[in-house]
Each structure stands twice: as structure tokens, then as C-alpha cells.
Amino acid sequence: MPTPIAGLLGKADVPAAADTDLYTVPAGLWATVNFYMVNRTAVSIAVRWAVRSGAIGTADYMEYETVLPANGVLRETGVPVAAGETVTVRAAAVGCTAQVRGFEEGAQ
């Protein structure tokens, strides 16, 4: 079984119009995550994020086409994520940074 970690679990400078995987929970563990997405630009950007297992489906989105204002931040905390699930982000334009912070715990 992998060694659980705490703190930064994944991060990315999010490209425009492309799904970007930030973090996948290792087999045998589960995680509680805090999700952050920052708009570093002077204009609003539509963003989305999902927790998925397999291909992204409409029911996987936690936020969809949410308008992140100029220099704004989107925060979601205390999100439980199961083994094998992946946190995925997308932005309509360049200029967003995303991070997943939290902790992994032992066998389910």
C-alpha cells in the first residue's frame, strides 16, 4: 500500500480549453481535499472542475462554467475523494492556476 501524504497533492497552470488532471487517489487510500482555482488575469474566465472515475460524465462536475472573476479565487473544502477517483479541471482561457491540497488516509 502506498504511503499516505498530506499537504499539496497536485497543482497545474491550467491550459485553455483542455481537461487537466490534478490528482488521482492511490489504490487502497481515500482523501479529503481542498480545491483552489485562481484567476491571475484582469478578465473573467469560465472554469469547471470534476471528481471522476473513468471518463468525465455530466454528473461528475462539482462546478461547471462557473465565472471566475478577474484576480478571483474559487475554493471548495472538505471534499471526500475515493481510491481511483481523479480531480480534473478546465478553463476557457489561459491564466488560471489550480491546486489540490489535503490528506490521504489508509485502506478503505
PDB file of N, CA and C in Angstrom:
ATOM      1  N   MET A   1       0.854  -1.182   0.000  1.00  0.00           N
ATOM      2  CA  MET A   1       0.000   0.000   0.000  1.00  0.00           C
ATOM      3  C   MET A   1       0.893   1.235   0.000  1.00  0.00           C
ATOM      4  N   PRO A   2       0.530   2.278  -0.767  1.00  0.00           N
ATOM      5  CA  PRO A   2       1.326   3.499  -0.805  1.00  0.00           C
ATOM      6  C   PRO A   2       1.312   4.220   0.536  1.00  0.00           C
ATOM      7  N   THR A   3       2.343   5.005   0.768  1.00  0.00           N
ATOM      8  CA  THR A   3       2.425   5.802   1.984  1.00  0.00           C
ATOM      9  C   THR A   3       1.533   7.023   1.844  1.00  0.00           C
ATOM     10  N   PRO A   4       0.577   7.235   2.756  1.00  0.00           N
ATOM     11  CA  PRO A   4      -0.291   8.418   2.679  1.00  0.00           C
ATOM     12  C   PRO A   4       0.509   9.710   2.808  1.00  0.00           C
ATOM     13  N   ILE A   5       0.044  10.758   2.168  1.00  0.00           N
ATOM     14  CA  ILE A   5       0.694  12.053   2.259  1.00  0.00           C
ATOM     15  C   ILE A   5      -0.321  13.115   2.668  1.00  0.00           C
ATOM     16  N   ALA A   6       0.191  14.257   3.083  1.00  0.00           N
ATOM     17  CA  ALA A   6      -0.652  15.400   3.433  1.00  0.00           C
ATOM     18  C   ALA A   6      -0.010  16.650   2.860  1.00  0.00           C
ATOM     19  N   GLY A   7      -0.822  17.654   2.590  1.00  0.00           N
ATOM     20  CA  GLY A   7      -0.327  18.905   2.035  1.00  0.00           C
ATOM     21  C   GLY A   7      -0.719  19.029   0.580  1.00  0.00           C
ATOM     22  N   LEU A   8       0.240  19.428  -0.252  1.00  0.00           N
ATOM     23  CA  LEU A   8      -0.009  19.599  -1.676  1.00  0.00           C
ATOM     24  C   LEU A   8      -0.121  18.233  -2.339  1.00  0.00           C
ATOM     25  N   LEU A   9      -1.271  17.971  -2.976  1.00  0.00           N
ATOM     26  CA  LEU A   9      -1.494  16.700  -3.658  1.00  0.00           C
ATOM     27  C   LEU A   9      -1.375  16.849  -5.176  1.00  0.00           C
ATOM     28  N   GLY A  10      -1.586  18.042  -5.696  1.00  0.00           N
ATOM     29  CA  GLY A  10      -1.453  18.285  -7.127  1.00  0.00           C
ATOM     30  C   GLY A  10      -1.667  19.742  -7.454  1.00  0.00           C
ATOM     31  N   LYS A  11      -1.051  20.192  -8.556  1.00  0.00           N
ATOM     32  CA  LYS A  11      -1.222  21.584  -8.986  1.00  0.00           C
ATOM     33  C   LYS A  11      -0.945  21.682 -10.476  1.00  0.00           C
ATOM     34  N   ALA A  12      -1.464  22.751 -11.096  1.00  0.00           N
ATOM     35  CA  ALA A  12      -1.233  22.972 -12.523  1.00  0.00           C
ATOM     36  C   ALA A  12      -1.482  24.420 -12.891  1.00  0.00           C
ATOM     37  N   ASP A  13      -0.737  24.875 -13.895  1.00  0.00           N
ATOM     38  CA  ASP A  13      -1.054  26.099 -14.614  1.00  0.00           C
ATOM     39  C   ASP A  13      -1.995  25.613 -15.709  1.00  0.00           C
ATOM     40  N   VAL A  14      -3.270  25.895 -15.589  1.00  0.00           N
ATOM     41  CA  VAL A  14      -4.303  25.272 -16.418  1.00  0.00           C
ATOM     42  C   VAL A  14      -4.274  25.834 -17.842  1.00  0.00           C
ATOM     43  N   PRO A  15      -4.117  24.956 -18.851  1.00  0.00           N
ATOM     44  CA  PRO A  15      -4.147  25.438 -20.240  1.00  0.00           C
ATOM     45  C   PRO A  15      -5.574  25.787 -20.660  1.00  0.00           C
ATOM     46  N   ALA A  16      -5.698  26.472 -21.777  1.00  0.00           N
ATOM     47  CA  ALA A  16      -7.022  26.849 -22.287  1.00  0.00           C
ATOM     48  C   ALA A  16      -7.715  25.648 -22.917  1.00  0.00           C
ATOM     49  N   ALA A  17      -8.990  25.478 -22.570  1.00  0.00           N
ATOM     50  CA  ALA A  17      -9.898  24.534 -23.228  1.00  0.00           C
ATOM     51  C   ALA A  17      -9.380  23.100 -23.281  1.00  0.00           C
ATOM     52  N   ALA A  18      -8.740  22.654 -22.205  1.00  0.00           N
ATOM     53  CA  ALA A  18      -8.251  21.268 -22.141  1.00  0.00           C
ATOM     54  C   ALA A  18      -8.452  20.736 -20.730  1.00  0.00           C
ATOM     55  N   ASP A  19      -8.975  19.526 -20.619  1.00  0.00           N
ATOM     56  CA  ASP A  19      -9.098  18.894 -19.311  1.00  0.00           C
ATOM     57  C   ASP A  19      -7.701  18.598 -18.775  1.00  0.00           C
ATOM     58  N   THR A  20      -7.476  18.936 -17.503  1.00  0.00           N
ATOM     59  CA  THR A  20      -6.183  18.731 -16.870  1.00  0.00           C
ATOM     60  C   THR A  20      -6.394  17.981 -15.565  1.00  0.00           C
ATOM     61  N   ASP A  21      -5.781  16.818 -15.435  1.00  0.00           N
ATOM     62  CA  ASP A  21      -5.877  16.037 -14.200  1.00  0.00           C
ATOM     63  C   ASP A  21      -4.903  16.591 -13.170  1.00  0.00           C
ATOM     64  N   LEU A  22      -5.416  16.886 -11.965  1.00  0.00           N
ATOM     65  CA  LEU A  22      -4.580  17.419 -10.898  1.00  0.00           C
ATOM     66  C   LEU A  22      -4.102  16.337  -9.936  1.00  0.00           C
ATOM     67  N   TYR A  23      -4.980  15.363  -9.659  1.00  0.00           N
ATOM     68  CA  TYR A  23      -4.655  14.398  -8.612  1.00  0.00           C
ATOM     69  C   TYR A  23      -5.557  13.187  -8.729  1.00  0.00           C
ATOM     70  N   THR A  24      -4.955  12.013  -8.578  1.00  0.00           N
ATOM     71  CA  THR A  24      -5.699  10.757  -8.518  1.00  0.00           C
ATOM     72  C   THR A  24      -5.369  10.073  -7.197  1.00  0.00           C
ATOM     73  N   VAL A  25      -6.400   9.666  -6.461  1.00  0.00           N
ATOM     74  CA  VAL A  25      -6.191   8.989  -5.182  1.00  0.00           C
ATOM     75  C   VAL A  25      -5.619   7.596  -5.453  1.00  0.00           C
ATOM     76  N   PRO A  26      -4.494   7.255  -4.804  1.00  0.00           N
ATOM     77  CA  PRO A  26      -3.910   5.926  -4.998  1.00  0.00           C
ATOM     78  C   PRO A  26      -4.842   4.811  -4.511  1.00  0.00           C
ATOM     79  N   ALA A  27      -4.687   3.640  -5.106  1.00  0.00           N
ATOM     80  CA  ALA A  27      -5.454   2.463  -4.687  1.00  0.00           C
ATOM     81  C   ALA A  27      -5.211   2.197  -3.206  1.00  0.00           C
ATOM     82  N   GLY A  28      -6.253   1.807  -2.509  1.00  0.00           N
ATOM     83  CA  GLY A  28      -6.152   1.477  -1.097  1.00  0.00           C
ATOM     84  C   GLY A  28      -6.224   2.659  -0.151  1.00  0.00           C
ATOM     85  N   LEU A  29      -6.339   3.870  -0.703  1.00  0.00           N
ATOM     86  CA  LEU A  29      -6.431   5.077   0.124  1.00  0.00           C
ATOM     87  C   LEU A  29      -7.691   5.846  -0.240  1.00  0.00           C
ATOM     88  N   TRP A  30      -8.021   6.810   0.586  1.00  0.00           N
ATOM     89  CA  TRP A  30      -9.039   7.797   0.257  1.00  0.00           C
ATOM     90  C   TRP A  30      -8.483   9.132   0.705  1.00  0.00           C
ATOM     91  N   ALA A  31      -9.063  10.221   0.238  1.00  0.00           N
ATOM     92  CA  ALA A  31      -8.527  11.546   0.552  1.00  0.00           C
ATOM     93  C   ALA A  31      -9.648  12.520   0.871  1.00  0.00           C
ATOM     94  N   THR A  32      -9.299  13.501   1.677  1.00  0.00           N
ATOM     95  CA  THR A  32     -10.150  14.666   1.888  1.00  0.00           C
ATOM     96  C   THR A  32      -9.371  15.828   1.296  1.00  0.00           C
ATOM     97  N   VAL A  33      -9.966  16.492   0.309  1.00  0.00           N
ATOM     98  CA  VAL A  33      -9.220  17.517  -0.411  1.00  0.00           C
ATOM     99  C   VAL A  33      -9.871  18.888  -0.300  1.00  0.00           C
ATOM    100  N   ASN A  34      -9.016  19.871  -0.449  1.00  0.00           N
ATOM    101  CA  ASN A  34      -9.419  21.262  -0.586  1.00  0.00           C
ATOM    102  C   ASN A  34      -8.980  21.680  -1.979  1.00  0.00           C
ATOM    103  N   PHE A  35      -9.905  22.241  -2.753  1.00  0.00           N
ATOM    104  CA  PHE A  35      -9.656  22.612  -4.134  1.00  0.00           C
ATOM    105  C   PHE A  35      -9.595  24.130  -4.236  1.00  0.00           C
ATOM    106  N   TYR A  36      -8.589  24.623  -4.954  1.00  0.00           N
ATOM    107  CA  TYR A  36      -8.429  26.061  -5.169  1.00  0.00           C
ATOM    108  C   TYR A  36      -8.153  26.314  -6.636  1.00  0.00           C
ATOM    109  N   MET A  37      -8.802  27.335  -7.192  1.00  0.00           N
ATOM    110  CA  MET A  37      -8.516  27.765  -8.553  1.00  0.00           C
ATOM    111  C   MET A  37      -8.437  29.278  -8.543  1.00  0.00           C
ATOM    112  N   VAL A  38      -7.355  29.823  -9.069  1.00  0.00           N
ATOM    113  CA  VAL A  38      -7.088  31.255  -9.039  1.00  0.00           C
ATOM    114  C   VAL A  38      -7.026  31.790 -10.467  1.00  0.00           C
ATOM    115  N   ASN A  39      -7.703  32.898 -10.702  1.00  0.00           N
ATOM    116  CA  ASN A  39      -7.638  33.597 -11.976  1.00  0.00           C
ATOM    117  C   ASN A  39      -6.593  34.701 -11.824  1.00  0.00           C
ATOM    118  N   ARG A  40      -5.490  34.578 -12.549  1.00  0.00           N
ATOM    119  CA  ARG A  40      -4.395  35.545 -12.444  1.00  0.00           C
ATOM    120  C   ARG A  40      -4.529  36.696 -13.448  1.00  0.00           C
ATOM    121  N   THR A  41      -5.628  36.753 -14.174  1.00  0.00           N
ATOM    122  CA  THR A  41      -5.770  37.760 -15.224  1.00  0.00           C
ATOM    123  C   THR A  41      -6.698  38.901 -14.806  1.00  0.00           C
ATOM    124  N   ALA A  42      -6.803  39.890 -15.680  1.00  0.00           N
ATOM    125  CA  ALA A  42      -7.657  41.059 -15.437  1.00  0.00           C
ATOM    126  C   ALA A  42      -9.044  40.907 -16.051  1.00  0.00           C
ATOM    127  N   VAL A  43      -9.369  39.690 -16.549  1.00  0.00           N
ATOM    128  CA  VAL A  43     -10.698  39.438 -17.128  1.00  0.00           C
ATOM    129  C   VAL A  43     -11.278  38.161 -16.525  1.00  0.00           C
ATOM    130  N   SER A  44     -12.584  38.045 -16.546  1.00  0.00           N
ATOM    131  CA  SER A  44     -13.252  36.848 -16.041  1.00  0.00           C
ATOM    132  C   SER A  44     -12.987  35.655 -16.957  1.00  0.00           C
ATOM    133  N   ILE A  45     -12.925  34.457 -16.353  1.00  0.00           N
ATOM    134  CA  ILE A  45     -12.705  33.219 -17.109  1.00  0.00           C
ATOM    135  C   ILE A  45     -13.692  32.166 -16.611  1.00  0.00           C
ATOM    136  N   ALA A  46     -14.358  31.474 -17.524  1.00  0.00           N
ATOM    137  CA  ALA A  46     -15.250  30.370 -17.161  1.00  0.00           C
ATOM    138  C   ALA A  46     -14.399  29.138 -16.857  1.00  0.00           C
ATOM    139  N   VAL A  47     -14.707  28.489 -15.720  1.00  0.00           N
ATOM    140  CA  VAL A  47     -13.929  27.324 -15.287  1.00  0.00           C
ATOM    141  C   VAL A  47     -14.873  26.197 -14.892  1.00  0.00           C
ATOM    142  N   ARG A  48     -14.309  24.990 -14.828  1.00  0.00           N
ATOM    143  CA  ARG A  48     -15.056  23.840 -14.323  1.00  0.00           C
ATOM    144  C   ARG A  48     -14.083  22.889 -13.651  1.00  0.00           C
ATOM    145  N   TRP A  49     -14.651  22.091 -12.727  1.00  0.00           N
ATOM    146  CA  TRP A  49     -13.848  21.033 -12.125  1.00  0.00           C
ATOM    147  C   TRP A  49     -14.744  19.861 -11.781  1.00  0.00           C
ATOM    148  N   ALA A  50     -14.134  18.683 -11.798  1.00  0.00           N
ATOM    149  CA  ALA A  50     -14.893  17.454 -11.598  1.00  0.00           C
ATOM    150  C   ALA A  50     -14.099  16.485 -10.726  1.00  0.00           C
ATOM    151  N   VAL A  51     -14.833  15.594 -10.079  1.00  0.00           N
ATOM    152  CA  VAL A  51     -14.242  14.423  -9.418  1.00  0.00           C
ATOM    153  C   VAL A  51     -14.819  13.236 -10.169  1.00  0.00           C
ATOM    154  N   ARG A  52     -13.947  12.438 -10.780  1.00  0.00           N
ATOM    155  CA  ARG A  52     -14.417  11.398 -11.675  1.00  0.00           C
ATOM    156  C   ARG A  52     -13.666  10.095 -11.474  1.00  0.00           C
ATOM    157  N   SER A  53     -14.312   9.013 -11.885  1.00  0.00           N
ATOM    158  CA  SER A  53     -13.635   7.731 -12.060  1.00  0.00           C
ATOM    159  C   SER A  53     -13.975   7.313 -13.479  1.00  0.00           C
ATOM    160  N   GLY A  54     -12.991   7.193 -14.323  1.00  0.00           N
ATOM    161  CA  GLY A  54     -13.239   6.952 -15.741  1.00  0.00           C
ATOM    162  C   GLY A  54     -13.406   8.265 -16.483  1.00  0.00           C
ATOM    163  N   ALA A  55     -14.025   8.198 -17.655  1.00  0.00           N
ATOM    164  CA  ALA A  55     -14.245   9.395 -18.467  1.00  0.00           C
ATOM    165  C   ALA A  55     -15.197  10.358 -17.745  1.00  0.00           C
ATOM    166  N   ILE A  56     -15.015  11.642 -17.983  1.00  0.00           N
ATOM    167  CA  ILE A  56     -15.869  12.648 -17.350  1.00  0.00           C
ATOM    168  C   ILE A  56     -17.281  12.552 -17.909  1.00  0.00           C
ATOM    169  N   GLY A  57     -18.243  12.471 -16.993  1.00  0.00           N
ATOM    170  CA  GLY A  57     -19.656  12.495 -17.346  1.00  0.00           C
ATOM    171  C   GLY A  57     -20.298  13.729 -16.745  1.00  0.00           C
ATOM    172  N   THR A  58     -21.483  14.057 -17.185  1.00  0.00           N
ATOM    173  CA  THR A  58     -22.144  15.271 -16.709  1.00  0.00           C
ATOM    174  C   THR A  58     -22.372  15.254 -15.196  1.00  0.00           C
ATOM    175  N   ALA A  59     -22.531  14.088 -14.596  1.00  0.00           N
ATOM    176  CA  ALA A  59     -22.782  14.004 -13.156  1.00  0.00           C
ATOM    177  C   ALA A  59     -21.509  14.155 -12.319  1.00  0.00           C
ATOM    178  N   ASP A  60     -20.337  14.233 -12.958  1.00  0.00           N
ATOM    179  CA  ASP A  60     -19.072  14.332 -12.226  1.00  0.00           C
ATOM    180  C   ASP A  60     -18.690  15.753 -11.845  1.00  0.00           C
ATOM    181  N   TYR A  61     -19.308  16.744 -12.479  1.00  0.00           N
ATOM    182  CA  TYR A  61     -18.883  18.131 -12.263  1.00  0.00           C
ATOM    183  C   TYR A  61     -19.311  18.662 -10.903  1.00  0.00           C
ATOM    184  N   MET A  62     -18.355  19.295 -10.231  1.00  0.00           N
ATOM    185  CA  MET A  62     -18.618  19.991  -8.966  1.00  0.00           C
ATOM    186  C   MET A  62     -18.938  21.465  -9.250  1.00  0.00           C
ATOM    187  N   GLU A  63     -18.337  22.005 -10.286  1.00  0.00           N
ATOM    188  CA  GLU A  63     -18.604  23.363 -10.793  1.00  0.00           C
ATOM    189  C   GLU A  63     -18.532  23.251 -12.308  1.00  0.00           C
ATOM    190  N   TYR A  64     -19.434  23.947 -13.012  1.00  0.00           N
ATOM    191  CA  TYR A  64     -19.459  23.862 -14.476  1.00  0.00           C
ATOM    192  C   TYR A  64     -19.701  25.242 -15.063  1.00  0.00           C
ATOM    193  N   GLU A  65     -18.724  25.711 -15.833  1.00  0.00           N
ATOM    194  CA  GLU A  65     -18.792  27.033 -16.472  1.00  0.00           C
ATOM    195  C   GLU A  65     -19.046  28.135 -15.439  1.00  0.00           C
ATOM    196  N   THR A  66     -18.482  27.971 -14.279  1.00  0.00           N
ATOM    197  CA  THR A  66     -18.543  28.993 -13.242  1.00  0.00           C
ATOM    198  C   THR A  66     -17.642  30.145 -13.661  1.00  0.00           C
ATOM    199  N   VAL A  67     -18.134  31.355 -13.567  1.00  0.00           N
ATOM    200  CA  VAL A  67     -17.344  32.516 -13.958  1.00  0.00           C
ATOM    201  C   VAL A  67     -16.452  32.915 -12.788  1.00  0.00           C
ATOM    202  N   LEU A  68     -15.157  32.769 -13.016  1.00  0.00           N
ATOM    203  CA  LEU A  68     -14.159  33.159 -12.020  1.00  0.00           C
ATOM    204  C   LEU A  68     -13.736  34.588 -12.349  1.00  0.00           C
ATOM    205  N   PRO A  69     -14.073  35.541 -11.475  1.00  0.00           N
ATOM    206  CA  PRO A  69     -13.797  36.945 -11.800  1.00  0.00           C
ATOM    207  C   PRO A  69     -12.300  37.237 -11.891  1.00  0.00           C
ATOM    208  N   ALA A  70     -11.978  38.355 -12.504  1.00  0.00           N
ATOM    209  CA  ALA A  70     -10.587  38.796 -12.602  1.00  0.00           C
ATOM    210  C   ALA A  70      -9.939  38.763 -11.224  1.00  0.00           C
ATOM    211  N   ASN A  71      -8.768  38.174 -11.150  1.00  0.00           N
ATOM    212  CA  ASN A  71      -7.998  38.070  -9.904  1.00  0.00           C
ATOM    213  C   ASN A  71      -8.774  37.385  -8.778  1.00  0.00           C
ATOM    214  N   GLY A  72      -9.765  36.573  -9.137  1.00  0.00           N
ATOM    215  CA  GLY A  72     -10.603  35.895  -8.153  1.00  0.00           C
ATOM    216  C   GLY A  72     -10.101  34.506  -7.812  1.00  0.00           C
ATOM    217  N   VAL A  73     -10.709  33.929  -6.797  1.00  0.00           N
ATOM    218  CA  VAL A  73     -10.362  32.576  -6.367  1.00  0.00           C
ATOM    219  C   VAL A  73     -11.648  31.774  -6.132  1.00  0.00           C
ATOM    220  N   LEU A  74     -11.610  30.513  -6.509  1.00  0.00           N
ATOM    221  CA  LEU A  74     -12.681  29.560  -6.242  1.00  0.00           C
ATOM    222  C   LEU A  74     -12.138  28.571  -5.230  1.00  0.00           C
ATOM    223  N   ARG A  75     -12.859  28.368  -4.114  1.00  0.00           N
ATOM    224  CA  ARG A  75     -12.428  27.453  -3.058  1.00  0.00           C
ATOM    225  C   ARG A  75     -13.538  26.482  -2.737  1.00  0.00           C
ATOM    226  N   GLU A  76     -13.172  25.228  -2.639  1.00  0.00           N
ATOM    227  CA  GLU A  76     -14.082  24.197  -2.148  1.00  0.00           C
ATOM    228  C   GLU A  76     -13.275  23.364  -1.160  1.00  0.00           C
ATOM    229  N   THR A  77     -13.805  23.179   0.036  1.00  0.00           N
ATOM    230  CA  THR A  77     -13.028  22.488   1.060  1.00  0.00           C
ATOM    231  C   THR A  77     -13.752  21.255   1.581  1.00  0.00           C
ATOM    232  N   GLY A  78     -12.957  20.319   2.088  1.00  0.00           N
ATOM    233  CA  GLY A  78     -13.503  19.127   2.722  1.00  0.00           C
ATOM    234  C   GLY A  78     -14.191  18.159   1.781  1.00  0.00           C
ATOM    235  N   VAL A  79     -13.706  18.051   0.547  1.00  0.00           N
ATOM    236  CA  VAL A  79     -14.333  17.171  -0.446  1.00  0.00           C
ATOM    237  C   VAL A  79     -13.751  15.760  -0.318  1.00  0.00           C
ATOM    238  N   PRO A  80     -14.578  14.753  -0.004  1.00  0.00           N
ATOM    239  CA  PRO A  80     -14.069  13.380   0.080  1.00  0.00           C
ATOM    240  C   PRO A  80     -13.890  12.791  -1.324  1.00  0.00           C
ATOM    241  N   VAL A  81     -12.762  12.107  -1.523  1.00  0.00           N
ATOM    242  CA  VAL A  81     -12.446  11.520  -2.817  1.00  0.00           C
ATOM    243  C   VAL A  81     -11.979  10.080  -2.576  1.00  0.00           C
ATOM    244  N   ALA A  82     -12.564   9.134  -3.295  1.00  0.00           N
ATOM    245  CA  ALA A  82     -12.283   7.709  -3.093  1.00  0.00           C
ATOM    246  C   ALA A  82     -11.083   7.243  -3.919  1.00  0.00           C
ATOM    247  N   ALA A  83     -10.574   6.081  -3.556  1.00  0.00           N
ATOM    248  CA  ALA A  83      -9.470   5.456  -4.290  1.00  0.00           C
ATOM    249  C   ALA A  83      -9.807   5.373  -5.778  1.00  0.00           C
ATOM    250  N   GLY A  84      -8.860   5.777  -6.612  1.00  0.00           N
ATOM    251  CA  GLY A  84      -9.045   5.719  -8.057  1.00  0.00           C
ATOM    252  C   GLY A  84      -9.756   6.906  -8.662  1.00  0.00           C
ATOM    253  N   GLU A  85     -10.349   7.767  -7.853  1.00  0.00           N
ATOM    254  CA  GLU A  85     -11.012   8.956  -8.399  1.00  0.00           C
ATOM    255  C   GLU A  85      -9.975  10.044  -8.683  1.00  0.00           C
ATOM    256  N   THR A  86     -10.280  10.865  -9.701  1.00  0.00           N
ATOM    257  CA  THR A  86      -9.368  11.902 -10.166  1.00  0.00           C
ATOM    258  C   THR A  86     -10.044  13.260 -10.109  1.00  0.00           C
ATOM    259  N   VAL A  87      -9.302  14.274  -9.655  1.00  0.00           N
ATOM    260  CA  VAL A  87      -9.760  15.663  -9.697  1.00  0.00           C
ATOM    261  C   VAL A  87      -9.250  16.255 -11.010  1.00  0.00           C
ATOM    262  N   THR A  88     -10.189  16.750 -11.834  1.00  0.00           N
ATOM    263  CA  THR A  88      -9.874  17.274 -13.163  1.00  0.00           C
ATOM    264  C   THR A  88     -10.407  18.694 -13.287  1.00  0.00           C
ATOM    265  N   VAL A  89      -9.624  19.573 -13.923  1.00  0.00           N
ATOM    266  CA  VAL A  89     -10.019  20.974 -14.092  1.00  0.00           C
ATOM    267  C   VAL A  89      -9.985  21.359 -15.567  1.00  0.00           C
ATOM    268  N   ARG A  90     -10.656  22.488 -15.852  1.00  0.00           N
ATOM    269  CA  ARG A  90     -10.664  23.042 -17.210  1.00  0.00           C
ATOM    270  C   ARG A  90     -10.948  24.537 -17.093  1.00  0.00           C
ATOM    271  N   ALA A  91     -10.327  25.330 -17.956  1.00  0.00           N
ATOM    272  CA  ALA A  91     -10.575  26.773 -18.014  1.00  0.00           C
ATOM    273  C   ALA A  91     -10.763  27.171 -19.475  1.00  0.00           C
ATOM    274  N   ALA A  92     -11.586  28.168 -19.710  1.00  0.00           N
ATOM    275  CA  ALA A  92     -11.867  28.613 -21.073  1.00  0.00           C
ATOM    276  C   ALA A  92     -10.700  29.388 -21.690  1.00  0.00           C
ATOM    277  N   ALA A  93      -9.803  29.906 -20.848  1.00  0.00           N
ATOM    278  CA  ALA A  93      -8.667  30.687 -21.338  1.00  0.00           C
ATOM    279  C   ALA A  93      -7.464  30.458 -20.427  1.00  0.00           C
ATOM    280  N   VAL A  94      -6.296  30.835 -20.893  1.00  0.00           N
ATOM    281  CA  VAL A  94      -5.096  30.726 -20.051  1.00  0.00           C
ATOM    282  C   VAL A  94      -5.155  31.763 -18.942  1.00  0.00           C
ATOM    283  N   GLY A  95      -4.413  31.520 -17.882  1.00  0.00           N
ATOM    284  CA  GLY A  95      -4.323  32.485 -16.792  1.00  0.00           C
ATOM    285  C   GLY A  95      -4.839  31.974 -15.465  1.00  0.00           C
ATOM    286  N   CYS A  96      -5.220  30.695 -15.392  1.00  0.00           N
ATOM    287  CA  CYS A  96      -5.705  30.121 -14.131  1.00  0.00           C
ATOM    288  C   CYS A  96      -4.703  29.107 -13.581  1.00  0.00           C
ATOM    289  N   THR A  97      -4.586  29.080 -12.293  1.00  0.00           N
ATOM    290  CA  THR A  97      -3.779  28.101 -11.573  1.00  0.00           C
ATOM    291  C   THR A  97      -4.729  27.314 -10.685  1.00  0.00           C
ATOM    292  N   ALA A  98      -4.505  26.003 -10.571  1.00  0.00           N
ATOM    293  CA  ALA A  98      -5.337  25.164  -9.708  1.00  0.00           C
ATOM    294  C   ALA A  98      -4.453  24.337  -8.791  1.00  0.00           C
ATOM    295  N   GLN A  99      -4.940  24.107  -7.576  1.00  0.00           N
ATOM    296  CA  GLN A  99      -4.243  23.267  -6.608  1.00  0.00           C
ATOM    297  C   GLN A  99      -5.247  22.382  -5.868  1.00  0.00           C
ATOM    298  N   VAL A 100      -4.784  21.190  -5.533  1.00  0.00           N
ATOM    299  CA  VAL A 100      -5.496  20.300  -4.632  1.00  0.00           C
ATOM    300  C   VAL A 100      -4.592  20.101  -3.431  1.00  0.00           C
ATOM    301  N   ARG A 101      -5.105  20.442  -2.251  1.00  0.00           N
ATOM    302  CA  ARG A 101      -4.378  20.258  -1.009  1.00  0.00           C
ATOM    303  C   ARG A 101      -5.254  19.416  -0.096  1.00  0.00           C
ATOM    304  N   GLY A 102      -4.657  18.633   0.758  1.00  0.00           N
ATOM    305  CA  GLY A 102      -5.444  17.807   1.658  1.00  0.00           C
ATOM    306  C   GLY A 102      -4.624  16.704   2.236  1.00  0.00           C
ATOM    307  N   PHE A 103      -5.292  15.576   2.534  1.00  0.00           N
ATOM    308  CA  PHE A 103      -4.576  14.452   3.120  1.00  0.00           C
ATOM    309  C   PHE A 103      -5.208  13.143   2.665  1.00  0.00           C
ATOM    310  N   GLU A 104      -4.334  12.149   2.550  1.00  0.00           N
ATOM    311  CA  GLU A 104      -4.762  10.806   2.222  1.00  0.00           C
ATOM    312  C   GLU A 104      -4.834   9.998   3.513  1.00  0.00           C
ATOM    313  N   GLU A 105      -5.743   9.032   3.529  1.00  0.00           N
ATOM    314  CA  GLU A 105      -5.858   8.140   4.690  1.00  0.00           C
ATOM    315  C   GLU A 105      -5.837   6.708   4.228  1.00  0.00           C
ATOM    316  N   GLY A 106      -5.629   5.785   5.194  1.00  0.00           N
ATOM    317  CA  GLY A 106      -5.418   4.370   4.934  1.00  0.00           C
ATOM    318  C   GLY A 106      -6.561   3.625   4.268  1.00  0.00           C
ATOM    319  N   ALA A 107      -6.382   2.334   4.214  1.00  0.00           N
ATOM    320  CA  ALA A 107      -7.250   1.423   3.472  1.00  0.00           C
ATOM    321  C   ALA A 107      -8.723   1.662   3.742  1.00  0.00           C
ATOM    322  N   GLN A 108      -9.497   1.495   2.664  1.00  0.00           N
ATOM    323  CA  GLN A 108     -10.936   1.708   2.749  1.00  0.00           C
ATOM    324  C   GLN A 108     -11.612   0.499   3.323  1.00  0.00           C
TER     325      GLN A 108
END
